[in-house]
Amino acid sequence: MGQLITWNAAQVDTALLILRLAVGIGSFIHGMNKVGKVTLFAGDHHLPHWLAAIAMWVQIAGGACIVLGFATFPAALGLVIFYLVATQELVVRKKEPFARPGVHTWDAGLLYLIIPLALLAAGPGRFSLDALLFAH
């Protein structure tokens, strides 16, 4: 029957930009919400203060880099590691449900994990600083 829908390169690059904006802005905001509250964050998640501070900066710097499409591979890798640990924390230690109205759930953490994982696989796309700076 043939392919019903085809995507051109600009559409794929636009989709990658949208994914970068979604996870990058969200990560940046989540990280900024920890500024001045690292001790509280560390206590809530049973982390040493230094590790909580690193986690905060991974979200802030990783989110900013992902939005810009700059240093996408290391930024996405950092976010994948952060959100893998965060999602594991919500599932295993806090035993949160996958999705339930009115309570904190781990489904959003899973999305924050999957998007940078997809960026690791696909790259940032042409609408990125990486493409502009490192195009062959």
Protein backbone atom coordinates (compact mmCIF):
# COMPACT_ATOMS: atom_id res chain seq x y z
CA MET A 1 0.00 0.00 0.00
CA GLY A 2 2.96 2.37 0.22
CA GLN A 3 3.80 4.85 2.89
CA LEU A 4 0.86 7.05 3.89
CA ILE A 5 2.95 9.76 5.52
CA THR A 6 6.45 10.90 4.68
CA TRP A 7 8.57 13.36 6.59
CA ASN A 8 11.14 15.64 5.09
CA ALA A 9 14.34 16.65 6.85
CA ALA A 10 12.96 20.04 7.94
CA GLN A 11 9.98 18.36 9.63
CA VAL A 12 12.25 15.95 11.50
CA ASP A 13 14.53 18.82 12.55
CA THR A 14 11.49 20.79 13.73
CA ALA A 15 10.31 17.81 15.77
CA LEU A 16 13.78 17.50 17.36
CA LEU A 17 13.72 21.22 18.18
CA ILE A 18 10.30 20.84 19.85
CA LEU A 19 11.57 17.87 21.90
CA ARG A 20 14.70 19.83 22.87
CA LEU A 21 12.61 22.81 23.96
CA ALA A 22 10.22 20.65 25.99
CA VAL A 23 12.82 18.72 27.96
CA GLY A 24 15.35 21.56 28.07
CA ILE A 25 13.01 24.22 29.42
CA GLY A 26 11.42 21.79 31.88
CA SER A 27 14.80 20.58 33.15
CA PHE A 28 16.15 24.11 33.45
CA ILE A 29 13.11 25.22 35.49
CA HIS A 30 13.25 22.13 37.73
CA GLY A 31 16.93 22.82 38.36
CA MET A 32 16.36 26.52 39.06
CA ASN A 33 13.67 25.55 41.58
CA LYS A 34 16.42 23.80 43.57
CA VAL A 35 18.65 26.90 43.79
CA GLY A 36 18.87 27.86 47.46
CA LYS A 37 17.08 24.64 48.41
CA VAL A 38 19.77 22.04 47.73
CA THR A 39 19.87 20.93 51.36
CA LEU A 40 16.11 20.35 51.33
CA PHE A 41 16.37 18.49 48.01
CA ALA A 42 19.23 16.37 49.40
CA GLY A 43 17.24 15.51 52.53
CA ASP A 44 14.06 14.66 50.63
CA HIS A 45 15.94 12.23 48.40
CA HIS A 46 18.51 10.89 50.88
CA LEU A 47 21.45 12.33 48.90
CA PRO A 48 24.70 13.81 50.09
CA HIS A 49 24.66 17.61 49.67
CA TRP A 50 27.41 17.54 47.03
CA LEU A 51 25.47 15.04 44.88
CA ALA A 52 22.26 17.07 45.18
CA ALA A 53 24.19 20.16 44.05
CA ILE A 54 25.57 18.27 41.04
CA ALA A 55 22.05 17.06 40.20
CA MET A 56 20.79 20.65 40.33
CA TRP A 57 23.54 21.83 37.97
CA VAL A 58 22.96 18.89 35.60
CA GLN A 59 19.35 20.04 35.27
CA ILE A 60 20.25 23.72 34.87
CA ALA A 61 23.24 23.40 32.53
CA GLY A 62 21.89 20.33 30.75
CA GLY A 63 18.53 21.98 30.18
CA ALA A 64 20.12 25.16 28.82
CA CYS A 65 22.44 23.21 26.51
CA ILE A 66 19.59 21.05 25.23
CA VAL A 67 17.47 24.13 24.42
CA LEU A 68 20.35 25.62 22.44
CA GLY A 69 21.34 22.32 20.89
CA PHE A 70 24.87 22.90 22.20
CA ALA A 71 27.00 20.04 23.55
CA THR A 72 23.86 17.98 23.03
CA PHE A 73 25.41 14.56 23.57
CA PRO A 74 26.96 15.22 27.02
CA ALA A 75 23.95 17.32 28.10
CA ALA A 76 21.48 14.63 27.06
CA LEU A 77 23.61 11.92 28.68
CA GLY A 78 23.67 13.87 31.95
CA LEU A 79 19.90 14.32 31.86
CA VAL A 80 19.34 10.64 31.03
CA ILE A 81 21.40 9.63 34.06
CA PHE A 82 19.67 12.18 36.30
CA TYR A 83 16.13 11.23 35.21
CA LEU A 84 16.91 7.49 35.32
CA VAL A 85 17.92 7.84 38.97
CA ALA A 86 15.03 10.22 39.71
CA THR A 87 12.45 7.90 38.12
CA GLN A 88 13.92 4.90 39.94
CA GLU A 89 13.62 6.91 43.20
CA LEU A 90 9.94 7.63 42.53
CA VAL A 91 9.14 4.03 41.60
CA VAL A 92 11.23 2.02 44.06
CA ARG A 93 11.66 4.13 47.19
CA LYS A 94 8.57 6.35 47.08
CA LYS A 95 6.37 3.71 45.41
CA GLU A 96 4.46 6.35 43.46
CA PRO A 97 1.83 5.24 40.96
CA PHE A 98 2.40 5.56 37.23
CA ALA A 99 -0.49 7.95 36.67
CA ARG A 100 -3.22 9.00 39.03
CA PRO A 101 -5.05 12.33 39.22
CA GLY A 102 -4.36 14.40 42.31
CA VAL A 103 -1.14 12.72 43.45
CA HIS A 104 2.53 12.91 42.47
CA THR A 105 3.29 10.20 39.92
CA TRP A 106 6.35 8.99 38.02
CA ASP A 107 4.99 9.17 34.45
CA ALA A 108 6.39 12.70 33.91
CA GLY A 109 9.81 11.52 35.10
CA LEU A 110 9.66 8.77 32.51
CA LEU A 111 8.99 11.32 29.76
CA TYR A 112 11.87 13.47 31.01
CA LEU A 113 14.02 10.34 30.70
CA ILE A 114 12.82 9.24 27.25
CA ILE A 115 13.19 12.59 25.47
CA PRO A 116 16.94 13.08 26.10
CA LEU A 117 17.40 9.37 25.35
CA ALA A 118 15.79 9.99 21.95
CA LEU A 119 18.09 12.99 21.46
CA LEU A 120 21.09 10.74 22.16
CA ALA A 121 19.88 8.47 19.38
CA ALA A 122 18.85 11.13 16.85
CA GLY A 123 21.08 14.09 17.66
CA PRO A 124 19.94 17.68 18.06
CA GLY A 125 18.86 18.26 14.45
CA ARG A 126 19.88 21.00 12.06
CA PHE A 127 18.20 23.75 14.12
CA SER A 128 20.91 23.64 16.79
CA LEU A 129 24.20 25.27 17.68
CA ASP A 130 25.90 21.88 17.32
CA ALA A 131 24.82 21.72 13.68
CA LEU A 132 25.84 25.32 13.07
CA LEU A 133 29.26 24.99 14.73
CA PHE A 134 30.19 21.47 13.72
CA ALA A 135 28.59 21.02 10.29
CA HIS A 136 30.91 19.41 7.79
